[in-house]
């Protein structure tokens, strides 16, 4: 396990009892972000410098030569007879990043002892200026508004000798923006879609083509898939990762038991070959289904904005839809854009969709308010089962989405909004190598509080420096060891973590939204795109009346810096 992200503080707060002392971070969030971001960058050495003599060079050098107006490479310029009094002027430029949209630029100037003017062109219409004298090392920082590739150029001017030297390179932001995709099936091992029509063997895997499939472009950095495991005869788990060239992480994306079909939303980096891989961690063969709902690229598209989870639809109460169960094989339309703080003009929305009290087995599909019903599904359920799943769905121009009941029986539907994507959104996705940060069953994670106690909550805090610019964390929550029915709520805390030895923070209001639901004996996973609020703290509530265990895996962040 890579402990690249560990809470700066963990504590279980039973009502007004004291919080546990903060657990020091084995490695901070900043380290995880830096490790993920520094994979991008450029270095253009000094021998790539382009020198240009300026008008007036002849007068400055005391000679006339019509050829001096032509650009020259640095080696040629050094050897030229008309190079002037600063023949070695050259620029070495390196760009790297420690955030999703930021660049740290190092400029090494080689020069005789003359005054120099320096202009940094960031490639987005913005510039910085500086002055230097002779051999100099300069450092500049910049944050791009959107993901993309930018041509960075540093120009150094020696006015006294009427000569310029320029160098730079292409900088690709580590963070990626989101493009929604009509839910489309890429894999179904039951019928041979995307792979041979055979079950995935126990402890085996199947590769899923992403780039160039179903209009997903080349250069895709990560993909949002709804992964479903079905035809199970034993317990196990599924892990998604980039596949070839990457080590399989020791985390899970979904867990299953015999006889259950289990879906979960997965956001996973795409390998350089355009594939992702799905591993069956159980001992027996299973069928796997994968539906694409969107993808991330470094082209400027939709940035993410998180929000405190808000309930938009509850058919049990008539909220956002007609009161009463959603009839079999029908859909309702509900508006998201323009309500409860969500602006108009969003391109996609991050939801948690729950089905409850279904009269029979079936599935739900969420899709754009102006589109046809896709063949893909977002969650599957059995008769009487309550199931929740994270969903990212395109939003129609009028701000609406639809939810279709694919069952032959009626069911109640609940929809909570956790965030949205828009052209104005600033936060880009920066994936990590997945790692586990909490497992209440294991003291190895620094957890001192025992089980996830009924009607109580766990707080997880992150260092203030790391929280800078972080809009939300992409987590996988798993509840296991359940003794009865219940549900999990995840929300930012309105209070900071208390200082060591200080009284516990006041209890936060109990959330009215849900992230996942369980019954006795269940192991239930669900993806969460969770804001850590103004204080860098996320709360995880056990809304049941029996103890359980909680496992948290981290997959990345949305970051605006």
Protein backbone atom coordinates (compact mmCIF):
# COMPACT_ATOMS: atom_id res chain seq x y z
CA UNK A 1 0.00 0.00 0.00
CA UNK A 2 1.29 3.45 -0.91
CA UNK A 3 0.54 5.74 1.99
CA UNK A 4 0.74 8.81 -0.19
CA UNK A 5 -2.37 10.32 1.36
CA UNK A 6 -3.06 9.89 5.04
CA UNK A 7 -5.35 12.02 7.14
CA UNK A 8 -3.72 14.77 9.10
CA UNK A 9 -6.27 14.03 11.79
CA UNK A 10 -8.59 11.12 12.43
CA UNK A 11 -11.06 10.84 15.22
CA UNK A 12 -14.38 9.25 16.10
CA UNK A 13 -16.62 11.70 17.87
CA UNK A 14 -19.41 10.02 19.86
CA UNK A 15 -21.74 12.94 20.42
CA UNK A 16 -19.95 15.35 22.71
CA UNK A 17 -17.09 13.02 23.60
CA UNK A 18 -13.49 14.01 22.96
CA UNK A 19 -12.02 13.46 19.52
CA UNK A 20 -9.06 11.14 19.28
CA UNK A 21 -5.69 12.82 19.01
CA UNK A 22 -4.72 13.64 15.43
CA UNK A 23 -2.63 10.97 13.75
CA UNK A 24 0.48 12.49 12.08
CA UNK A 25 0.46 12.10 8.32
CA UNK A 26 2.86 9.44 7.05
CA UNK A 27 2.91 11.47 3.86
CA UNK A 28 0.80 14.55 3.20
CA UNK A 29 -1.69 15.42 0.53
CA UNK A 30 0.80 17.89 -0.92
CA UNK A 31 3.24 15.04 -1.51
CA UNK A 32 0.59 13.01 -3.31
CA UNK A 33 -0.41 15.93 -5.51
CA UNK A 34 3.22 16.74 -6.28
CA UNK A 35 3.99 13.13 -7.18
CA UNK A 36 1.04 12.99 -9.56
CA UNK A 37 1.72 16.41 -11.11
CA UNK A 38 5.46 16.19 -11.71
CA UNK A 39 5.00 13.56 -14.41
CA UNK A 40 4.46 16.48 -16.79
CA UNK A 41 7.03 19.14 -17.63
CA UNK A 42 9.70 20.14 -20.11
CA UNK A 43 13.36 21.13 -20.30
CA UNK A 44 14.85 23.10 -23.17
CA UNK A 45 18.64 23.37 -22.73
CA UNK A 46 20.71 26.43 -23.55
CA UNK A 47 21.92 25.05 -26.89
CA UNK A 48 18.39 25.43 -28.21
CA UNK A 49 18.44 29.18 -27.62
CA UNK A 50 17.43 31.33 -30.60
CA UNK A 51 19.42 34.60 -30.76
CA UNK A 52 18.25 37.60 -32.72
CA UNK A 53 20.15 40.81 -33.27
CA UNK A 54 17.98 43.88 -32.92
CA UNK A 55 17.76 47.08 -34.97
CA UNK A 56 20.69 49.26 -34.02
CA UNK A 57 23.00 46.29 -33.52
CA UNK A 58 25.53 47.71 -36.00
CA UNK A 59 25.79 50.97 -34.12
CA UNK A 60 26.05 49.16 -30.80
CA UNK A 61 28.83 46.94 -32.13
CA UNK A 62 30.63 49.64 -34.10
CA UNK A 63 30.24 47.86 -37.44
CA UNK A 64 27.78 47.36 -40.26
CA UNK A 65 26.61 44.00 -41.55
CA UNK A 66 23.31 43.36 -43.34
CA UNK A 67 23.32 39.74 -42.17
CA UNK A 68 22.94 40.58 -38.49
CA UNK A 69 19.14 40.70 -38.65
CA UNK A 70 18.82 36.95 -39.16
CA UNK A 71 18.03 34.64 -36.14
CA UNK A 72 20.83 32.21 -35.25
CA UNK A 73 21.18 29.21 -32.96
CA UNK A 74 23.36 29.81 -29.89
CA UNK A 75 26.44 27.90 -31.19
CA UNK A 76 26.37 29.77 -34.49
CA UNK A 77 25.92 33.08 -32.71
CA UNK A 78 28.87 32.47 -30.42
CA UNK A 79 31.09 31.84 -33.41
CA UNK A 80 29.82 34.78 -35.44
CA UNK A 81 32.17 37.70 -35.87
CA UNK A 82 29.34 40.17 -35.35
CA UNK A 83 28.10 38.64 -32.07
CA UNK A 84 28.82 41.85 -30.21
CA UNK A 85 30.03 42.22 -26.64
CA UNK A 86 27.72 39.50 -25.28
CA UNK A 87 28.44 36.52 -27.56
CA UNK A 88 27.51 33.83 -24.99
CA UNK A 89 23.98 35.08 -24.23
CA UNK A 90 21.79 31.96 -23.89
CA UNK A 91 18.76 30.73 -21.95
CA UNK A 92 18.06 27.32 -20.35
CA UNK A 93 14.37 26.84 -19.45
CA UNK A 94 12.72 24.12 -17.34
CA UNK A 95 9.02 23.86 -16.54
CA UNK A 96 7.51 21.49 -14.00
CA UNK A 97 4.37 21.32 -11.88
CA UNK A 98 3.20 20.40 -8.41
CA UNK A 99 -0.50 21.04 -8.99
CA UNK A 100 -3.20 20.34 -11.57
CA UNK A 101 -2.95 23.72 -13.34
CA UNK A 102 0.27 25.23 -12.04
CA UNK A 103 3.73 25.55 -13.56
CA UNK A 104 7.03 26.30 -11.82
CA UNK A 105 9.51 27.79 -14.29
CA UNK A 106 13.28 27.87 -13.79
CA UNK A 107 15.32 30.06 -16.15
CA UNK A 108 19.12 29.87 -16.23
CA UNK A 109 20.64 32.83 -18.08
CA UNK A 110 24.20 32.76 -19.37
CA UNK A 111 25.42 36.29 -20.08
CA UNK A 112 28.26 38.75 -19.82
CA UNK A 113 27.83 41.33 -17.07
CA UNK A 114 25.16 43.47 -18.71
CA UNK A 115 21.69 44.56 -17.58
CA UNK A 116 18.99 42.29 -19.02
CA UNK A 117 15.26 42.50 -19.48
CA UNK A 118 13.29 39.24 -19.16
CA UNK A 119 9.78 38.49 -20.46
CA UNK A 120 7.98 35.21 -19.70
CA UNK A 121 5.15 34.47 -22.13
CA UNK A 122 2.96 31.77 -20.53
CA UNK A 123 1.14 30.94 -23.76
CA UNK A 124 -2.31 31.90 -22.47
CA UNK A 125 -2.12 35.62 -23.24
CA UNK A 126 -0.43 36.46 -19.94
CA UNK A 127 3.17 37.53 -19.33
CA UNK A 128 5.54 38.24 -16.47
CA UNK A 129 8.56 40.55 -16.60
CA UNK A 130 11.78 40.72 -14.63
CA UNK A 131 15.26 42.27 -14.74
CA UNK A 132 18.59 40.50 -14.37
CA UNK A 133 22.33 41.16 -14.53
CA UNK A 134 24.81 38.75 -16.08
CA UNK A 135 24.59 35.05 -15.19
CA UNK A 136 21.31 34.64 -13.35
CA UNK A 137 18.83 31.99 -12.16
CA UNK A 138 15.18 33.10 -12.12
CA UNK A 139 12.05 31.39 -10.81
CA UNK A 140 8.47 32.13 -11.82
CA UNK A 141 5.11 30.52 -11.03
CA UNK A 142 1.87 30.59 -12.97
CA UNK A 143 -1.59 29.01 -12.77
CA UNK A 144 -3.58 28.32 -15.92
CA UNK A 145 -7.32 28.82 -15.87
CA UNK A 146 -8.03 25.68 -17.90
CA UNK A 147 -6.41 22.41 -18.81
CA UNK A 148 -4.44 22.22 -22.03
CA UNK A 149 -1.08 22.51 -23.76
CA UNK A 150 0.62 25.90 -23.59
CA UNK A 151 3.72 27.19 -25.41
CA UNK A 152 5.95 28.84 -22.80
CA UNK A 153 8.64 31.23 -24.03
CA UNK A 154 11.31 33.18 -22.16
CA UNK A 155 12.89 36.14 -23.97
CA UNK A 156 16.00 37.86 -22.60
CA UNK A 157 16.99 41.22 -24.06
CA UNK A 158 20.42 42.83 -23.80
CA UNK A 159 19.62 46.38 -24.89
CA UNK A 160 23.20 47.60 -24.57
CA UNK A 161 24.34 45.11 -27.20
CA UNK A 162 21.07 45.02 -29.17
CA UNK A 163 20.66 41.26 -28.92
CA UNK A 164 17.86 38.94 -27.75
CA UNK A 165 17.91 35.29 -26.70
CA UNK A 166 14.72 33.19 -26.53
CA UNK A 167 13.93 29.63 -25.46
CA UNK A 168 10.99 27.64 -24.12
CA UNK A 169 8.83 24.60 -24.62
CA UNK A 170 5.36 23.07 -24.60
CA UNK A 171 3.82 22.61 -21.16
CA UNK A 172 0.96 20.13 -20.71
CA UNK A 173 -1.10 20.68 -17.58
CA UNK A 174 -1.21 17.60 -15.32
CA UNK A 175 -4.91 18.16 -14.62
CA UNK A 176 -7.65 17.14 -17.05
CA UNK A 177 -11.13 18.47 -17.81
CA UNK A 178 -14.29 16.39 -18.13
CA UNK A 179 -16.39 15.73 -21.21
CA UNK A 180 -19.72 13.95 -20.62
CA UNK A 181 -20.59 10.99 -22.81
CA UNK A 182 -23.95 9.43 -23.54
CA UNK A 183 -23.89 6.23 -21.44
CA UNK A 184 -22.54 3.58 -23.80
CA UNK A 185 -21.63 -0.05 -23.20
CA UNK A 186 -17.94 -0.81 -23.85
CA UNK A 187 -17.77 -4.24 -22.20
CA UNK A 188 -20.16 -7.10 -21.53
CA UNK A 189 -18.57 -10.49 -21.10
CA UNK A 190 -22.00 -12.13 -21.26
CA UNK A 191 -22.46 -11.37 -24.97
CA UNK A 192 -18.96 -10.62 -26.22
CA UNK A 193 -19.17 -6.83 -26.27
CA UNK A 194 -15.60 -5.53 -26.06
CA UNK A 195 -14.13 -8.93 -25.08
CA UNK A 196 -14.72 -12.63 -25.69
CA UNK A 197 -18.08 -13.93 -24.46
CA UNK A 198 -16.65 -15.73 -21.47
CA UNK A 199 -16.54 -15.02 -17.76
CA UNK A 200 -13.53 -13.34 -16.21
CA UNK A 201 -11.74 -16.10 -14.27
CA UNK A 202 -11.06 -15.94 -10.58
CA UNK A 203 -7.94 -13.83 -9.91
CA UNK A 204 -7.96 -12.95 -13.62
CA UNK A 205 -8.62 -9.76 -15.55
CA UNK A 206 -10.12 -8.36 -18.73
CA UNK A 207 -8.90 -5.38 -20.76
CA UNK A 208 -11.33 -2.66 -21.90
CA UNK A 209 -10.53 -0.47 -24.91
CA UNK A 210 -11.23 3.20 -24.10
CA UNK A 211 -9.35 5.51 -26.48
CA UNK A 212 -10.81 5.34 -29.96
CA UNK A 213 -13.84 3.38 -28.79
CA UNK A 214 -17.40 4.80 -28.93
CA UNK A 215 -16.04 8.22 -30.01
CA UNK A 216 -13.77 8.54 -26.96
CA UNK A 217 -10.73 10.40 -28.39
CA UNK A 218 -7.09 9.47 -28.40
CA UNK A 219 -5.15 11.20 -25.65
CA UNK A 220 -7.81 10.51 -23.03
CA UNK A 221 -6.20 10.61 -19.58
CA UNK A 222 -8.95 9.07 -17.44
CA UNK A 223 -12.44 7.68 -17.88
CA UNK A 224 -15.64 7.47 -15.86
CA UNK A 225 -17.06 3.96 -16.13
CA UNK A 226 -20.03 2.35 -14.49
CA UNK A 227 -18.72 -1.14 -13.74
CA UNK A 228 -21.12 -3.95 -12.87
CA UNK A 229 -20.26 -7.46 -11.68
CA UNK A 230 -22.92 -10.14 -12.17
CA UNK A 231 -23.44 -13.93 -12.27
CA UNK A 232 -21.44 -14.24 -9.05
CA UNK A 233 -21.15 -17.56 -7.17
CA UNK A 234 -18.76 -16.47 -4.40
CA UNK A 235 -17.50 -13.34 -2.68
CA UNK A 236 -14.83 -11.13 -4.19
CA UNK A 237 -13.92 -7.68 -5.41
CA UNK A 238 -13.06 -5.81 -8.62
CA UNK A 239 -10.12 -3.42 -9.11
CA UNK A 240 -9.77 -1.05 -12.07
CA UNK A 241 -6.35 0.30 -13.10
CA UNK A 242 -4.54 1.47 -16.27
CA UNK A 243 -3.24 -2.02 -16.99
CA UNK A 244 -0.12 -2.65 -19.09
CA UNK A 245 2.93 -0.94 -17.63
CA UNK A 246 1.29 -0.18 -14.27
CA UNK A 247 1.25 -2.15 -11.03
CA UNK A 248 -2.20 -3.22 -9.91
CA UNK A 249 -3.06 -1.24 -6.75
CA UNK A 250 -3.99 -2.95 -3.51
CA UNK A 251 -7.39 -1.22 -3.44
CA UNK A 252 -10.86 -2.18 -4.63
CA UNK A 253 -13.55 -0.43 -6.65
CA UNK A 254 -16.44 -2.71 -5.84
CA UNK A 255 -17.12 -5.74 -3.66
CA UNK A 256 -19.59 -8.54 -4.33
CA UNK A 257 -21.14 -11.61 -2.73
CA UNK A 258 -22.67 -14.74 -4.24
CA UNK A 259 -25.82 -14.17 -6.25
CA UNK A 260 -25.61 -10.38 -6.28
CA UNK A 261 -25.18 -7.98 -9.21
CA UNK A 262 -23.21 -4.99 -7.91
CA UNK A 263 -22.53 -1.73 -9.81
CA UNK A 264 -20.17 1.10 -8.95
CA UNK A 265 -18.91 4.21 -10.68
CA UNK A 266 -15.17 4.08 -11.36
CA UNK A 267 -12.90 6.97 -12.34
CA UNK A 268 -9.66 5.41 -13.54
CA UNK A 269 -6.61 6.63 -15.48
CA UNK A 270 -6.31 5.26 -19.01
CA UNK A 271 -3.08 3.48 -19.95
CA UNK A 272 -0.80 4.80 -22.66
CA UNK A 273 -2.13 2.07 -24.94
CA UNK A 274 -5.69 3.41 -24.53
CA UNK A 275 -6.95 0.59 -22.30
CA UNK A 276 -7.97 0.03 -18.69
CA UNK A 277 -7.98 -3.35 -16.97
CA UNK A 278 -10.55 -4.87 -14.61
CA UNK A 279 -9.32 -7.47 -12.13
CA UNK A 280 -11.58 -10.10 -10.55
CA UNK A 281 -10.23 -10.51 -7.03
CA UNK A 282 -12.59 -13.38 -6.21
CA UNK A 283 -11.78 -17.10 -6.51
CA UNK A 284 -14.62 -17.85 -8.95
CA UNK A 285 -15.44 -16.57 -12.48
CA UNK A 286 -17.78 -13.59 -12.89
CA UNK A 287 -19.27 -11.54 -15.70
CA UNK A 288 -18.25 -7.89 -15.95
CA UNK A 289 -20.03 -4.98 -17.64
CA UNK A 290 -18.57 -1.50 -18.22
CA UNK A 291 -20.48 1.55 -19.48
CA UNK A 292 -18.68 4.81 -20.26
CA UNK A 293 -20.36 7.97 -18.94
CA UNK A 294 -17.57 10.50 -19.61
CA UNK A 295 -13.86 11.02 -20.01
CA UNK A 296 -11.05 13.40 -19.08
CA UNK A 297 -8.63 15.06 -21.49
CA UNK A 298 -6.20 17.96 -21.34
CA UNK A 299 -8.35 19.86 -23.79
CA UNK A 300 -10.28 22.69 -22.16
CA UNK A 301 -13.72 21.27 -21.34
CA UNK A 302 -15.75 20.98 -18.13
CA UNK A 303 -14.18 21.85 -14.78
CA UNK A 304 -15.67 20.49 -11.56
CA UNK A 305 -17.44 22.40 -8.79
CA UNK A 306 -18.32 20.55 -5.59
CA UNK A 307 -21.22 21.27 -3.29
CA UNK A 308 -22.59 20.03 -0.01
CA UNK A 309 -24.78 17.06 -1.04
CA UNK A 310 -28.32 18.27 -1.70
CA UNK A 311 -31.46 16.24 -2.29
CA UNK A 312 -33.15 17.06 -5.60
CA UNK A 313 -35.53 14.11 -6.04
CA UNK A 314 -37.43 11.87 -3.64
CA UNK A 315 -40.46 10.18 -5.15
CA UNK A 316 -41.59 9.14 -1.66
CA UNK A 317 -42.29 12.81 -0.91
CA UNK A 318 -42.94 14.25 -4.37
CA UNK A 319 -39.68 16.22 -4.33
CA UNK A 320 -38.45 16.95 -7.86
CA UNK A 321 -40.83 14.41 -9.40
CA UNK A 322 -44.38 13.15 -9.09
CA UNK A 323 -45.11 11.65 -5.69
CA UNK A 324 -45.33 7.88 -5.80
CA UNK A 325 -43.25 5.05 -7.22
CA UNK A 326 -41.77 5.42 -10.68
CA UNK A 327 -43.78 3.08 -12.86
CA UNK A 328 -42.22 0.13 -14.66
CA UNK A 329 -40.42 0.91 -17.94
CA UNK A 330 -40.98 4.66 -17.62
CA UNK A 331 -38.81 7.70 -16.93
CA UNK A 332 -39.23 11.00 -15.12
CA UNK A 333 -37.60 14.31 -16.06
CA UNK A 334 -36.19 16.57 -13.37
CA UNK A 335 -34.42 19.89 -13.48
CA UNK A 336 -30.93 20.29 -12.01
CA UNK A 337 -29.52 23.47 -13.58
CA UNK A 338 -30.75 26.67 -11.93
CA UNK A 339 -31.88 25.05 -8.66
CA UNK A 340 -30.37 24.88 -5.16
CA UNK A 341 -27.24 26.79 -6.12
CA UNK A 342 -26.49 24.81 -9.28
CA UNK A 343 -26.10 27.33 -12.15
CA UNK A 344 -27.64 27.16 -15.58
CA UNK A 345 -25.42 26.03 -18.44
CA UNK A 346 -23.77 23.07 -16.71
CA UNK A 347 -22.61 20.23 -18.96
CA UNK A 348 -22.86 17.31 -16.52
CA UNK A 349 -23.82 16.60 -12.93
CA UNK A 350 -22.40 14.26 -10.28
CA UNK A 351 -25.21 12.44 -8.52
CA UNK A 352 -25.88 9.78 -5.97
CA UNK A 353 -28.93 7.84 -7.19
CA UNK A 354 -30.80 5.48 -4.85
CA UNK A 355 -33.57 3.00 -5.62
CA UNK A 356 -35.73 1.79 -2.74
CA UNK A 357 -38.82 -0.38 -2.27
CA UNK A 358 -38.67 -1.92 -5.76
CA UNK A 359 -41.42 -4.43 -6.48
CA UNK A 360 -39.09 -6.64 -8.50
CA UNK A 361 -35.59 -6.88 -9.97
CA UNK A 362 -34.38 -4.34 -12.50
CA UNK A 363 -32.10 -1.42 -13.16
CA UNK A 364 -32.09 2.39 -13.28
CA UNK A 365 -30.50 4.52 -16.00
CA UNK A 366 -29.82 8.26 -15.68
CA UNK A 367 -29.31 10.27 -18.87
CA UNK A 368 -29.62 13.71 -20.47
CA UNK A 369 -33.03 15.33 -20.42
CA UNK A 370 -33.05 15.64 -24.21
CA UNK A 371 -31.69 12.21 -25.10
CA UNK A 372 -33.13 8.75 -25.77
CA UNK A 373 -32.93 5.98 -23.18
CA UNK A 374 -29.43 4.42 -23.42
CA UNK A 375 -28.86 0.68 -23.35
CA UNK A 376 -26.48 1.15 -20.41
CA UNK A 377 -27.47 1.04 -16.75
CA UNK A 378 -26.33 2.88 -13.62
CA UNK A 379 -27.50 0.56 -10.88
CA UNK A 380 -29.07 -2.88 -10.56
CA UNK A 381 -31.42 -4.06 -7.84
CA UNK A 382 -33.36 -7.06 -6.59
CA UNK A 383 -36.91 -7.08 -5.29
CA UNK A 384 -37.19 -5.05 -2.09
CA UNK A 385 -33.52 -3.99 -2.18
CA UNK A 386 -32.27 -0.47 -1.46
CA UNK A 387 -29.25 0.30 -3.64
CA UNK A 388 -27.28 3.53 -4.18
CA UNK A 389 -24.70 4.33 -6.81
CA UNK A 390 -22.68 7.36 -7.87
CA UNK A 391 -23.59 8.64 -11.34
CA UNK A 392 -22.11 11.27 -13.66
CA UNK A 393 -24.71 12.20 -16.28
CA UNK A 394 -24.86 14.74 -19.14
CA UNK A 395 -27.28 17.61 -18.61
CA UNK A 396 -29.52 18.95 -21.37
CA UNK A 397 -29.38 22.60 -22.44
CA UNK A 398 -32.51 23.29 -20.38
CA UNK A 399 -30.81 21.93 -17.24
CA UNK A 400 -32.71 18.64 -17.07
CA UNK A 401 -31.89 14.98 -16.71
CA UNK A 402 -34.06 11.85 -16.89
CA UNK A 403 -34.12 8.67 -14.81
CA UNK A 404 -35.51 5.49 -16.38
CA UNK A 405 -36.85 2.52 -14.41
CA UNK A 406 -35.80 -0.54 -16.41
CA UNK A 407 -37.71 -2.90 -14.12
CA UNK A 408 -41.08 -4.49 -14.81
CA UNK A 409 -42.15 -3.29 -11.35
CA UNK A 410 -42.48 0.17 -9.82
CA UNK A 411 -39.85 1.61 -7.45
CA UNK A 412 -39.06 4.74 -5.49
CA UNK A 413 -36.09 6.85 -6.59
CA UNK A 414 -33.94 9.31 -4.63
CA UNK A 415 -31.41 11.67 -6.28
CA UNK A 416 -28.76 13.69 -4.41
CA UNK A 417 -26.48 16.17 -6.21
CA UNK A 418 -22.85 16.31 -5.02
CA UNK A 419 -21.31 18.53 -7.72
CA UNK A 420 -21.38 19.59 -11.35
CA UNK A 421 -19.21 20.21 -14.41
CA UNK A 422 -19.30 23.40 -16.48
CA UNK A 423 -17.24 25.48 -18.90
CA UNK A 424 -16.74 27.97 -16.06
CA UNK A 425 -15.59 25.31 -13.60
CA UNK A 426 -11.94 25.71 -12.63
CA UNK A 427 -11.09 22.39 -10.96
CA UNK A 428 -9.32 19.74 -13.06
CA UNK A 429 -8.99 16.07 -12.20
CA UNK A 430 -5.57 14.90 -11.01
CA UNK A 431 -5.49 11.12 -10.47
CA UNK A 432 -3.26 9.37 -7.97
CA UNK A 433 -2.10 5.80 -7.83
CA UNK A 434 -5.01 4.52 -5.67
CA UNK A 435 -4.20 3.88 -2.03
CA UNK A 436 -6.06 3.07 1.18
CA UNK A 437 -6.23 5.71 3.88
CA UNK A 438 -8.57 4.15 6.42
CA UNK A 439 -9.78 0.72 7.42
CA UNK A 440 -11.47 0.57 10.83
CA UNK A 441 -10.66 -3.16 10.98
CA UNK A 442 -6.91 -2.51 10.82
CA UNK A 443 -4.77 -0.65 13.35
CA UNK A 444 -2.08 -0.43 10.67
CA UNK A 445 -3.87 2.63 9.28
CA UNK A 446 -3.40 4.50 12.53
CA UNK A 447 -7.05 4.16 13.42
CA UNK A 448 -7.55 4.17 17.23
CA UNK A 449 -11.34 4.18 17.43
CA UNK A 450 -12.49 0.61 16.80
CA UNK A 451 -15.58 -0.02 14.70
CA UNK A 452 -17.66 2.60 12.91
CA UNK A 453 -20.19 3.07 15.67
CA UNK A 454 -23.92 3.43 15.11
CA UNK A 455 -25.36 6.96 14.78
CA UNK A 456 -21.88 8.45 15.06
CA UNK A 457 -19.34 9.82 12.62
CA UNK A 458 -15.69 9.75 11.73
CA UNK A 459 -13.82 12.91 10.76
CA UNK A 460 -10.90 12.86 8.37
CA UNK A 461 -8.78 15.97 8.03
CA UNK A 462 -6.14 17.04 5.53
CA UNK A 463 -3.23 19.46 5.92
CA UNK A 464 -4.16 23.10 5.20
CA UNK A 465 -1.35 23.45 2.65
CA UNK A 466 -2.60 20.45 0.70
CA UNK A 467 -6.18 21.67 0.79
CA UNK A 468 -5.21 24.84 -1.11
CA UNK A 469 -7.00 24.74 -4.44
CA UNK A 470 -8.53 21.32 -3.82
CA UNK A 471 -12.19 21.34 -4.81
CA UNK A 472 -12.98 17.72 -3.95
CA UNK A 473 -11.44 14.32 -3.29
CA UNK A 474 -12.35 11.25 -5.33
CA UNK A 475 -12.82 8.45 -2.80
CA UNK A 476 -14.20 4.95 -2.77
CA UNK A 477 -16.16 4.23 0.40
CA UNK A 478 -16.88 0.65 1.44
CA UNK A 479 -19.01 -0.38 4.41
CA UNK A 480 -18.69 -3.94 5.65
CA UNK A 481 -19.37 -6.03 8.76
CA UNK A 482 -22.89 -4.61 8.99
CA UNK A 483 -25.25 -5.82 11.71
CA UNK A 484 -28.47 -4.35 10.37
CA UNK A 485 -29.84 -1.84 7.90
CA UNK A 486 -28.41 1.65 7.55
CA UNK A 487 -26.85 4.19 5.24
CA UNK A 488 -23.69 6.28 4.97
CA UNK A 489 -23.62 10.05 4.58
CA UNK A 490 -20.53 12.00 3.52
CA UNK A 491 -20.26 15.78 3.85
CA UNK A 492 -17.71 18.52 4.54
CA UNK A 493 -17.42 19.49 8.19
CA UNK A 494 -18.39 23.06 9.16
CA UNK A 495 -15.67 22.98 11.85
CA UNK A 496 -11.87 22.65 11.76
CA UNK A 497 -10.13 19.80 13.53
CA UNK A 498 -9.36 20.81 17.11
CA UNK A 499 -5.77 21.38 18.12
CA UNK A 500 -4.07 18.58 20.00
CA UNK A 501 -5.42 18.48 23.55
CA UNK A 502 -8.26 20.92 22.79
CA UNK A 503 -11.94 20.06 23.28
CA UNK A 504 -13.73 18.36 20.40
CA UNK A 505 -15.46 20.53 17.84
CA UNK A 506 -19.24 20.84 18.17
CA UNK A 507 -21.24 18.11 16.49
CA UNK A 508 -22.04 18.95 12.88
CA UNK A 509 -25.63 18.85 11.64
CA UNK A 510 -26.62 15.35 10.60
CA UNK A 511 -26.76 15.25 6.76
CA UNK A 512 -30.04 14.53 5.02
CA UNK A 513 -28.38 12.91 2.00
CA UNK A 514 -27.09 9.37 1.55
CA UNK A 515 -24.05 7.90 -0.16
CA UNK A 516 -24.66 4.17 0.16
CA UNK A 517 -27.21 1.87 1.81
CA UNK A 518 -26.76 -1.52 3.43
CA UNK A 519 -28.57 -4.39 5.10
CA UNK A 520 -27.27 -6.93 7.63
CA UNK A 521 -24.22 -8.80 6.40
CA UNK A 522 -23.63 -6.57 3.37
CA UNK A 523 -20.34 -5.29 1.98
CA UNK A 524 -21.28 -2.23 -0.07
CA UNK A 525 -19.00 0.14 -2.04
CA UNK A 526 -19.71 3.50 -3.64
CA UNK A 527 -17.64 6.25 -5.25
CA UNK A 528 -17.74 9.64 -3.55
CA UNK A 529 -16.62 13.00 -4.93
CA UNK A 530 -16.37 14.71 -1.57
CA UNK A 531 -15.63 18.32 -0.77
CA UNK A 532 -13.49 18.94 2.32
CA UNK A 533 -15.14 22.33 2.80
CA UNK A 534 -13.54 25.45 4.22
CA UNK A 535 -11.59 23.59 6.90
CA UNK A 536 -10.14 20.62 5.07
CA UNK A 537 -12.31 18.13 6.98
CA UNK A 538 -14.73 15.47 5.70
CA UNK A 539 -17.24 13.66 7.93
CA UNK A 540 -18.47 10.11 7.36
CA UNK A 541 -21.73 9.32 9.15
CA UNK A 542 -23.03 5.89 10.14
CA UNK A 543 -26.75 6.58 9.87
CA UNK A 544 -27.67 3.05 10.95
CA UNK A 545 -28.42 1.70 14.42
CA UNK A 546 -25.75 -1.00 14.43
CA UNK A 547 -21.97 -0.77 14.26
CA UNK A 548 -20.15 -1.41 10.99
CA UNK A 549 -16.67 -1.04 9.49
CA UNK A 550 -15.57 1.65 7.04
CA UNK A 551 -12.85 1.47 4.37
CA UNK A 552 -11.65 4.52 2.42
CA UNK A 553 -9.58 4.42 -0.78
CA UNK A 554 -8.35 7.58 -2.52
CA UNK A 555 -8.18 7.91 -6.31
CA UNK A 556 -7.40 11.58 -6.90
CA UNK A 557 -8.44 15.18 -6.47
CA UNK A 558 -10.14 17.95 -8.36
CA UNK A 559 -7.84 20.96 -8.09
CA UNK A 560 -8.18 24.51 -9.36
CA UNK A 561 -4.56 25.60 -8.87
